[in-house]
Amino acid sequence: MISKDFLRQLLAKEYATTLRVLRAFPADQASFTPHERSNTALRLAQTFVFEMLLLNRDAFGKPLAADAFSAYNPPDLEAAIADFERESAGTLANLDALPEQDLRREVQFAGRTFWVGEYILMMLFDQIHHRGQLTVYVRMAGGKVPSIYGPSADDPSTNL
């Protein structure tokens, strides 16, 4: 099992990376989609917020209105980014307050049982997956892809 301290460091790092990718997307192209079956960039940003809401509900027992997902419709990408920033900070604060032994408490999601620590990692991995999608969108929409785990040809600070 992953330690709470390591999990917190990992989440903070990955949330900051997701935020950089979100901010790299050209804000005036929130409706961009590379294919008719693909989500828009704004919808991907909403997904990041949804994941934080799910974590706060399922892992940390925070109340969530029944219509939280259907009612969440940010007017633009900037609003979704602000919501992600706020919700990810809240998730980190909730993790800070969680007793270490609660990482082994069981939660139910999508018909499966997870330990809280495992559930948090699953949601993080899903965010990383969708962030990868968004990096492709960034490039296709004319933005500059920031470095993520290594250098990016679009990021001059990586010296490529």
N, C-alpha and C. Protein backbone atom coordinates (compact mmCIF):
# COMPACT_ATOMS: atom_id res chain seq x y z
N MET A 1 0.85 -1.18 0.00
CA MET A 1 0.00 0.00 0.00
C MET A 1 0.89 1.24 0.00
N ILE A 2 0.49 2.21 -0.74
CA ILE A 2 1.22 3.48 -0.84
C ILE A 2 1.01 4.29 0.45
N SER A 3 2.04 5.00 0.89
CA SER A 3 1.89 5.80 2.10
C SER A 3 1.11 7.08 1.78
N LYS A 4 0.47 7.61 2.78
CA LYS A 4 -0.31 8.83 2.61
C LYS A 4 0.60 9.99 2.18
N ASP A 5 1.77 10.10 2.76
CA ASP A 5 2.68 11.19 2.40
C ASP A 5 3.11 11.11 0.94
N PHE A 6 3.45 9.90 0.49
CA PHE A 6 3.85 9.74 -0.90
C PHE A 6 2.67 10.01 -1.82
N LEU A 7 1.49 9.51 -1.45
CA LEU A 7 0.29 9.73 -2.25
C LEU A 7 0.00 11.22 -2.38
N ARG A 8 0.15 11.96 -1.29
CA ARG A 8 -0.10 13.39 -1.34
C ARG A 8 0.89 14.10 -2.25
N GLN A 9 2.16 13.74 -2.15
CA GLN A 9 3.17 14.33 -3.03
C GLN A 9 2.86 14.05 -4.50
N LEU A 10 2.47 12.81 -4.78
CA LEU A 10 2.14 12.41 -6.14
C LEU A 10 0.93 13.19 -6.66
N LEU A 11 -0.12 13.27 -5.87
CA LEU A 11 -1.31 14.01 -6.29
C LEU A 11 -0.99 15.47 -6.54
N ALA A 12 -0.27 16.10 -5.63
CA ALA A 12 0.06 17.52 -5.79
C ALA A 12 0.84 17.75 -7.08
N LYS A 13 1.80 16.89 -7.35
CA LYS A 13 2.60 17.02 -8.57
C LYS A 13 1.75 16.84 -9.82
N GLU A 14 0.93 15.81 -9.83
CA GLU A 14 0.12 15.52 -11.01
C GLU A 14 -0.98 16.56 -11.21
N TYR A 15 -1.58 17.03 -10.13
CA TYR A 15 -2.59 18.08 -10.27
C TYR A 15 -1.97 19.34 -10.86
N ALA A 16 -0.77 19.69 -10.40
CA ALA A 16 -0.09 20.87 -10.94
C ALA A 16 0.22 20.68 -12.43
N THR A 17 0.59 19.47 -12.82
CA THR A 17 0.86 19.20 -14.23
C THR A 17 -0.42 19.32 -15.05
N THR A 18 -1.51 18.76 -14.56
CA THR A 18 -2.79 18.88 -15.26
C THR A 18 -3.19 20.34 -15.40
N LEU A 19 -2.97 21.11 -14.38
CA LEU A 19 -3.29 22.54 -14.42
C LEU A 19 -2.46 23.25 -15.50
N ARG A 20 -1.18 22.90 -15.63
CA ARG A 20 -0.34 23.49 -16.68
C ARG A 20 -0.87 23.15 -18.07
N VAL A 21 -1.31 21.92 -18.26
CA VAL A 21 -1.85 21.52 -19.56
C VAL A 21 -3.16 22.26 -19.83
N LEU A 22 -4.01 22.35 -18.84
CA LEU A 22 -5.26 23.10 -19.01
C LEU A 22 -4.98 24.55 -19.40
N ARG A 23 -4.04 25.16 -18.73
CA ARG A 23 -3.71 26.57 -19.01
C ARG A 23 -3.04 26.74 -20.37
N ALA A 24 -2.46 25.68 -20.90
CA ALA A 24 -1.80 25.75 -22.21
C ALA A 24 -2.80 25.69 -23.35
N PHE A 25 -4.01 25.25 -23.06
CA PHE A 25 -4.99 25.12 -24.12
C PHE A 25 -5.51 26.50 -24.51
N PRO A 26 -5.61 26.80 -25.80
CA PRO A 26 -6.14 28.10 -26.23
C PRO A 26 -7.58 28.28 -25.75
N ALA A 27 -7.79 29.20 -24.84
CA ALA A 27 -9.08 29.38 -24.17
C ALA A 27 -10.22 29.66 -25.14
N ASP A 28 -9.91 30.27 -26.27
CA ASP A 28 -10.97 30.61 -27.23
C ASP A 28 -11.40 29.42 -28.07
N GLN A 29 -10.82 28.24 -27.80
CA GLN A 29 -11.16 27.05 -28.58
C GLN A 29 -11.72 25.93 -27.70
N ALA A 30 -12.46 26.30 -26.66
CA ALA A 30 -12.99 25.32 -25.71
C ALA A 30 -13.89 24.28 -26.38
N SER A 31 -14.49 24.62 -27.50
CA SER A 31 -15.37 23.67 -28.19
C SER A 31 -14.60 22.77 -29.17
N PHE A 32 -13.28 22.91 -29.21
CA PHE A 32 -12.46 22.10 -30.12
C PHE A 32 -12.61 20.62 -29.80
N THR A 33 -12.73 19.82 -30.84
CA THR A 33 -12.70 18.37 -30.72
C THR A 33 -12.04 17.81 -31.98
N PRO A 34 -11.16 16.83 -31.85
CA PRO A 34 -10.48 16.31 -33.03
C PRO A 34 -11.35 15.36 -33.87
N HIS A 35 -12.47 14.93 -33.30
CA HIS A 35 -13.32 13.98 -34.01
C HIS A 35 -14.74 14.10 -33.45
N GLU A 36 -15.72 13.78 -34.26
CA GLU A 36 -17.11 13.91 -33.84
C GLU A 36 -17.46 13.04 -32.63
N ARG A 37 -16.76 11.95 -32.41
CA ARG A 37 -17.02 11.10 -31.24
C ARG A 37 -16.17 11.49 -30.03
N SER A 38 -15.28 12.43 -30.20
CA SER A 38 -14.40 12.86 -29.10
C SER A 38 -15.08 13.95 -28.29
N ASN A 39 -14.69 14.03 -27.03
CA ASN A 39 -15.17 15.13 -26.19
C ASN A 39 -14.55 16.44 -26.63
N THR A 40 -15.22 17.53 -26.33
CA THR A 40 -14.62 18.84 -26.54
C THR A 40 -13.57 19.07 -25.46
N ALA A 41 -12.73 20.06 -25.68
CA ALA A 41 -11.72 20.42 -24.67
C ALA A 41 -12.40 20.82 -23.37
N LEU A 42 -13.49 21.56 -23.46
CA LEU A 42 -14.22 21.96 -22.25
C LEU A 42 -14.75 20.74 -21.52
N ARG A 43 -15.24 19.77 -22.24
CA ARG A 43 -15.76 18.55 -21.62
C ARG A 43 -14.64 17.78 -20.91
N LEU A 44 -13.45 17.75 -21.49
CA LEU A 44 -12.32 17.11 -20.81
C LEU A 44 -12.00 17.85 -19.51
N ALA A 45 -12.03 19.18 -19.56
CA ALA A 45 -11.79 19.97 -18.35
C ALA A 45 -12.86 19.66 -17.30
N GLN A 46 -14.11 19.51 -17.73
CA GLN A 46 -15.18 19.14 -16.81
C GLN A 46 -14.91 17.78 -16.18
N THR A 47 -14.36 16.86 -16.96
CA THR A 47 -14.05 15.52 -16.45
C THR A 47 -13.07 15.61 -15.28
N PHE A 48 -12.07 16.49 -15.39
CA PHE A 48 -11.12 16.64 -14.28
C PHE A 48 -11.84 17.10 -13.01
N VAL A 49 -12.79 18.00 -13.16
CA VAL A 49 -13.55 18.48 -12.00
C VAL A 49 -14.43 17.35 -11.46
N PHE A 50 -15.10 16.62 -12.34
CA PHE A 50 -15.94 15.50 -11.92
C PHE A 50 -15.14 14.51 -11.08
N GLU A 51 -13.92 14.22 -11.51
CA GLU A 51 -13.10 13.27 -10.77
C GLU A 51 -12.81 13.77 -9.36
N MET A 52 -12.58 15.05 -9.21
CA MET A 52 -12.36 15.60 -7.87
C MET A 52 -13.63 15.48 -7.03
N LEU A 53 -14.78 15.75 -7.63
CA LEU A 53 -16.04 15.63 -6.91
C LEU A 53 -16.27 14.18 -6.45
N LEU A 54 -15.98 13.23 -7.33
CA LEU A 54 -16.12 11.82 -6.97
C LEU A 54 -15.17 11.43 -5.85
N LEU A 55 -13.93 11.88 -5.94
CA LEU A 55 -12.98 11.59 -4.87
C LEU A 55 -13.46 12.15 -3.54
N ASN A 56 -13.90 13.37 -3.56
CA ASN A 56 -14.34 13.99 -2.31
C ASN A 56 -15.56 13.30 -1.73
N ARG A 57 -16.45 12.82 -2.61
CA ARG A 57 -17.63 12.09 -2.13
C ARG A 57 -17.26 10.70 -1.63
N ASP A 58 -16.58 9.93 -2.47
CA ASP A 58 -16.37 8.51 -2.17
C ASP A 58 -15.22 8.25 -1.21
N ALA A 59 -14.12 8.93 -1.37
CA ALA A 59 -12.95 8.67 -0.52
C ALA A 59 -13.00 9.43 0.79
N PHE A 60 -13.61 10.61 0.76
CA PHE A 60 -13.56 11.47 1.94
C PHE A 60 -14.93 11.73 2.56
N GLY A 61 -15.98 11.16 1.99
CA GLY A 61 -17.32 11.26 2.58
C GLY A 61 -17.93 12.64 2.55
N LYS A 62 -17.52 13.47 1.60
CA LYS A 62 -18.07 14.82 1.50
C LYS A 62 -19.40 14.76 0.76
N PRO A 63 -20.39 15.51 1.22
CA PRO A 63 -21.70 15.46 0.55
C PRO A 63 -21.62 15.99 -0.88
N LEU A 64 -22.47 15.42 -1.72
CA LEU A 64 -22.52 15.81 -3.12
C LEU A 64 -23.99 15.78 -3.54
N ALA A 65 -24.46 16.88 -4.08
CA ALA A 65 -25.84 16.95 -4.52
C ALA A 65 -26.10 15.89 -5.60
N ALA A 66 -27.29 15.35 -5.61
CA ALA A 66 -27.65 14.31 -6.58
C ALA A 66 -27.47 14.78 -8.02
N ASP A 67 -27.67 16.07 -8.26
CA ASP A 67 -27.57 16.60 -9.62
C ASP A 67 -26.23 17.30 -9.88
N ALA A 68 -25.23 17.03 -9.04
CA ALA A 68 -23.95 17.74 -9.15
C ALA A 68 -23.34 17.61 -10.54
N PHE A 69 -23.45 16.44 -11.13
CA PHE A 69 -22.81 16.23 -12.44
C PHE A 69 -23.64 16.81 -13.57
N SER A 70 -24.93 16.60 -13.52
CA SER A 70 -25.78 17.14 -14.60
C SER A 70 -25.89 18.65 -14.51
N ALA A 71 -25.77 19.19 -13.31
CA ALA A 71 -25.90 20.65 -13.14
C ALA A 71 -24.59 21.39 -13.42
N TYR A 72 -23.48 20.67 -13.42
CA TYR A 72 -22.19 21.34 -13.62
C TYR A 72 -21.98 21.63 -15.10
N ASN A 73 -22.00 22.89 -15.43
CA ASN A 73 -21.84 23.33 -16.81
C ASN A 73 -21.10 24.67 -16.82
N PRO A 74 -19.79 24.64 -16.69
CA PRO A 74 -19.04 25.91 -16.64
C PRO A 74 -19.22 26.67 -17.95
N PRO A 75 -19.29 27.99 -17.88
CA PRO A 75 -19.54 28.79 -19.09
C PRO A 75 -18.37 28.79 -20.07
N ASP A 76 -17.17 28.54 -19.56
CA ASP A 76 -16.01 28.58 -20.44
C ASP A 76 -14.85 27.82 -19.79
N LEU A 77 -13.78 27.72 -20.53
CA LEU A 77 -12.62 26.97 -20.07
C LEU A 77 -11.99 27.60 -18.82
N GLU A 78 -11.96 28.91 -18.77
CA GLU A 78 -11.37 29.58 -17.60
C GLU A 78 -12.11 29.19 -16.32
N ALA A 79 -13.44 29.12 -16.40
CA ALA A 79 -14.23 28.74 -15.22
C ALA A 79 -13.94 27.29 -14.83
N ALA A 80 -13.83 26.40 -15.81
CA ALA A 80 -13.53 25.00 -15.52
C ALA A 80 -12.14 24.87 -14.89
N ILE A 81 -11.19 25.66 -15.38
CA ILE A 81 -9.84 25.63 -14.81
C ILE A 81 -9.86 26.10 -13.36
N ALA A 82 -10.58 27.17 -13.09
CA ALA A 82 -10.70 27.67 -11.72
C ALA A 82 -11.37 26.63 -10.82
N ASP A 83 -12.39 25.95 -11.34
CA ASP A 83 -13.06 24.90 -10.57
C ASP A 83 -12.12 23.73 -10.30
N PHE A 84 -11.33 23.34 -11.30
CA PHE A 84 -10.37 22.26 -11.09
C PHE A 84 -9.34 22.66 -10.04
N GLU A 85 -8.86 23.87 -10.13
CA GLU A 85 -7.87 24.33 -9.16
C GLU A 85 -8.44 24.29 -7.74
N ARG A 86 -9.66 24.78 -7.58
CA ARG A 86 -10.30 24.80 -6.26
C ARG A 86 -10.56 23.37 -5.77
N GLU A 87 -11.11 22.53 -6.63
CA GLU A 87 -11.46 21.16 -6.21
C GLU A 87 -10.23 20.32 -5.92
N SER A 88 -9.17 20.49 -6.69
CA SER A 88 -7.96 19.70 -6.43
C SER A 88 -7.31 20.15 -5.12
N ALA A 89 -7.35 21.45 -4.82
CA ALA A 89 -6.84 21.93 -3.53
C ALA A 89 -7.67 21.34 -2.39
N GLY A 90 -8.98 21.28 -2.59
CA GLY A 90 -9.85 20.68 -1.58
C GLY A 90 -9.57 19.19 -1.39
N THR A 91 -9.30 18.49 -2.48
CA THR A 91 -8.97 17.08 -2.40
C THR A 91 -7.68 16.87 -1.60
N LEU A 92 -6.69 17.71 -1.85
CA LEU A 92 -5.43 17.60 -1.09
C LEU A 92 -5.67 17.89 0.39
N ALA A 93 -6.49 18.88 0.70
CA ALA A 93 -6.80 19.19 2.10
C ALA A 93 -7.55 18.03 2.76
N ASN A 94 -8.46 17.42 2.02
CA ASN A 94 -9.19 16.27 2.56
C ASN A 94 -8.25 15.10 2.80
N LEU A 95 -7.30 14.89 1.91
CA LEU A 95 -6.31 13.83 2.11
C LEU A 95 -5.46 14.12 3.33
N ASP A 96 -5.08 15.38 3.51
CA ASP A 96 -4.28 15.75 4.68
C ASP A 96 -5.01 15.40 5.98
N ALA A 97 -6.33 15.56 5.98
CA ALA A 97 -7.13 15.32 7.18
C ALA A 97 -7.47 13.84 7.38
N LEU A 98 -7.24 13.02 6.38
CA LEU A 98 -7.61 11.61 6.44
C LEU A 98 -6.59 10.83 7.27
N PRO A 99 -7.04 10.07 8.26
CA PRO A 99 -6.10 9.21 8.99
C PRO A 99 -5.49 8.18 8.05
N GLU A 100 -4.22 7.93 8.21
CA GLU A 100 -3.50 7.01 7.32
C GLU A 100 -4.20 5.66 7.19
N GLN A 101 -4.73 5.14 8.30
CA GLN A 101 -5.37 3.83 8.25
C GLN A 101 -6.63 3.83 7.37
N ASP A 102 -7.22 4.98 7.13
CA ASP A 102 -8.41 5.05 6.28
C ASP A 102 -8.09 4.80 4.81
N LEU A 103 -6.82 4.81 4.43
CA LEU A 103 -6.47 4.47 3.05
C LEU A 103 -6.84 3.02 2.74
N ARG A 104 -7.03 2.21 3.78
CA ARG A 104 -7.41 0.80 3.59
C ARG A 104 -8.91 0.57 3.81
N ARG A 105 -9.64 1.63 4.05
CA ARG A 105 -11.10 1.51 4.15
C ARG A 105 -11.66 1.22 2.77
N GLU A 106 -12.72 0.45 2.71
CA GLU A 106 -13.31 0.10 1.42
C GLU A 106 -14.34 1.12 0.98
N VAL A 107 -14.36 1.37 -0.33
CA VAL A 107 -15.39 2.22 -0.96
C VAL A 107 -15.91 1.48 -2.18
N GLN A 108 -17.13 1.79 -2.54
CA GLN A 108 -17.76 1.20 -3.71
C GLN A 108 -17.79 2.23 -4.83
N PHE A 109 -17.45 1.79 -6.03
CA PHE A 109 -17.55 2.67 -7.20
C PHE A 109 -17.76 1.80 -8.43
N ALA A 110 -18.76 2.13 -9.21
CA ALA A 110 -19.06 1.45 -10.47
C ALA A 110 -19.15 -0.06 -10.30
N GLY A 111 -19.78 -0.48 -9.21
CA GLY A 111 -19.99 -1.89 -8.98
C GLY A 111 -18.77 -2.65 -8.48
N ARG A 112 -17.72 -1.93 -8.14
CA ARG A 112 -16.50 -2.57 -7.64
C ARG A 112 -16.16 -2.04 -6.26
N THR A 113 -15.37 -2.81 -5.54
CA THR A 113 -14.89 -2.41 -4.23
C THR A 113 -13.42 -2.07 -4.33
N PHE A 114 -13.06 -0.92 -3.77
CA PHE A 114 -11.67 -0.44 -3.76
C PHE A 114 -11.29 -0.05 -2.34
N TRP A 115 -10.02 -0.15 -2.02
CA TRP A 115 -9.53 0.54 -0.84
C TRP A 115 -9.45 2.02 -1.21
N VAL A 116 -9.57 2.89 -0.26
CA VAL A 116 -9.54 4.32 -0.53
C VAL A 116 -8.26 4.71 -1.27
N GLY A 117 -7.11 4.21 -0.82
CA GLY A 117 -5.85 4.55 -1.48
C GLY A 117 -5.83 4.09 -2.93
N GLU A 118 -6.36 2.91 -3.17
CA GLU A 118 -6.44 2.37 -4.53
C GLU A 118 -7.39 3.20 -5.39
N TYR A 119 -8.50 3.60 -4.79
CA TYR A 119 -9.49 4.42 -5.50
C TYR A 119 -8.91 5.78 -5.89
N ILE A 120 -8.18 6.38 -4.97
CA ILE A 120 -7.54 7.67 -5.26
C ILE A 120 -6.57 7.52 -6.43
N LEU A 121 -5.78 6.46 -6.41
CA LEU A 121 -4.84 6.23 -7.52
C LEU A 121 -5.57 5.97 -8.84
N MET A 122 -6.66 5.21 -8.79
CA MET A 122 -7.41 4.94 -10.01
C MET A 122 -7.93 6.25 -10.62
N MET A 123 -8.46 7.12 -9.77
CA MET A 123 -8.96 8.41 -10.27
C MET A 123 -7.80 9.26 -10.81
N LEU A 124 -6.67 9.21 -10.16
CA LEU A 124 -5.50 9.95 -10.65
C LEU A 124 -5.07 9.41 -12.02
N PHE A 125 -5.02 8.09 -12.15
CA PHE A 125 -4.62 7.51 -13.44
C PHE A 125 -5.61 7.87 -14.54
N ASP A 126 -6.88 7.95 -14.20
CA ASP A 126 -7.88 8.36 -15.19
C ASP A 126 -7.64 9.82 -15.59
N GLN A 127 -7.31 10.65 -14.61
CA GLN A 127 -7.00 12.05 -14.92
C GLN A 127 -5.78 12.13 -15.85
N ILE A 128 -4.76 11.35 -15.57
CA ILE A 128 -3.56 11.35 -16.39
C ILE A 128 -3.90 10.90 -17.82
N HIS A 129 -4.75 9.91 -17.94
CA HIS A 129 -5.20 9.45 -19.25
C HIS A 129 -5.87 10.58 -20.02
N HIS A 130 -6.82 11.25 -19.38
CA HIS A 130 -7.53 12.35 -20.05
C HIS A 130 -6.62 13.55 -20.29
N ARG A 131 -5.65 13.75 -19.42
CA ARG A 131 -4.67 14.82 -19.63
C ARG A 131 -3.86 14.54 -20.88
N GLY A 132 -3.52 13.27 -21.11
CA GLY A 132 -2.82 12.91 -22.34
C GLY A 132 -3.65 13.25 -23.57
N GLN A 133 -4.94 12.98 -23.50
CA GLN A 133 -5.83 13.37 -24.60
C GLN A 133 -5.75 14.88 -24.81
N LEU A 134 -5.82 15.61 -23.71
CA LEU A 134 -5.84 17.07 -23.82
C LEU A 134 -4.54 17.61 -24.40
N THR A 135 -3.41 16.95 -24.14
CA THR A 135 -2.16 17.44 -24.72
C THR A 135 -2.20 17.36 -26.25
N VAL A 136 -2.82 16.33 -26.77
CA VAL A 136 -2.98 16.22 -28.23
C VAL A 136 -3.87 17.36 -28.72
N TYR A 137 -4.94 17.63 -27.99
CA TYR A 137 -5.84 18.73 -28.35
C TYR A 137 -5.07 20.06 -28.35
N VAL A 138 -4.23 20.26 -27.33
CA VAL A 138 -3.46 21.51 -27.23
C VAL A 138 -2.67 21.74 -28.52
N ARG A 139 -1.95 20.73 -28.93
CA ARG A 139 -1.13 20.87 -30.13
C ARG A 139 -2.00 21.11 -31.36
N MET A 140 -3.08 20.34 -31.50
CA MET A 140 -3.96 20.47 -32.67
C MET A 140 -4.66 21.83 -32.71
N ALA A 141 -4.91 22.41 -31.54
CA ALA A 141 -5.61 23.69 -31.47
C ALA A 141 -4.64 24.87 -31.57
N GLY A 142 -3.35 24.58 -31.74
CA GLY A 142 -2.36 25.64 -31.92
C GLY A 142 -1.69 26.10 -30.65
N GLY A 143 -1.90 25.40 -29.55
CA GLY A 143 -1.25 25.76 -28.30
C GLY A 143 0.12 25.13 -28.19
N LYS A 144 0.80 25.41 -27.12
CA LYS A 144 2.13 24.89 -26.84
C LYS A 144 2.04 23.88 -25.70
N VAL A 145 2.45 22.66 -25.96
CA VAL A 145 2.39 21.60 -24.96
C VAL A 145 3.52 21.80 -23.95
N PRO A 146 3.16 21.91 -22.67
CA PRO A 146 4.21 22.06 -21.65
C PRO A 146 4.92 20.73 -21.41
N SER A 147 6.09 20.80 -20.80
CA SER A 147 6.76 19.56 -20.43
C SER A 147 5.90 18.89 -19.35
N ILE A 148 5.87 17.58 -19.41
CA ILE A 148 5.06 16.83 -18.44
C ILE A 148 5.99 15.94 -17.64
N TYR A 149 6.46 14.85 -18.22
CA TYR A 149 7.41 13.97 -17.53
C TYR A 149 8.81 14.12 -18.09
N GLY A 150 8.92 14.87 -19.14
CA GLY A 150 10.20 15.09 -19.78
C GLY A 150 10.08 16.26 -20.71
N PRO A 151 11.06 16.49 -21.52
CA PRO A 151 11.07 17.66 -22.39
C PRO A 151 9.91 17.68 -23.38
N SER A 152 9.54 18.89 -23.75
CA SER A 152 8.55 19.10 -24.80
C SER A 152 9.16 20.04 -25.83
N ALA A 153 8.96 19.74 -27.09
CA ALA A 153 9.49 20.60 -28.15
C ALA A 153 8.87 21.99 -28.09
N ASP A 154 7.71 22.12 -27.43
CA ASP A 154 7.03 23.41 -27.33
C ASP A 154 7.46 24.23 -26.12
N ASP A 155 8.22 23.64 -25.23
CA ASP A 155 8.60 24.31 -23.99
C ASP A 155 10.08 24.67 -24.04
N PRO A 156 10.39 25.97 -24.26
CA PRO A 156 11.80 26.36 -24.41
C PRO A 156 12.64 26.09 -23.16
N SER A 157 12.01 25.97 -22.00
CA SER A 157 12.79 25.72 -20.79
C SER A 157 13.36 24.30 -20.75
N THR A 158 12.92 23.43 -21.66
CA THR A 158 13.43 22.05 -21.67
C THR A 158 14.64 21.89 -22.56
N ASN A 159 15.05 22.96 -23.26
CA ASN A 159 16.26 22.98 -24.06
C ASN A 159 16.35 21.90 -25.13
N LEU A 160 15.29 21.75 -25.87
CA LEU A 160 15.35 20.78 -26.99
C LEU A 160 15.78 21.48 -28.24
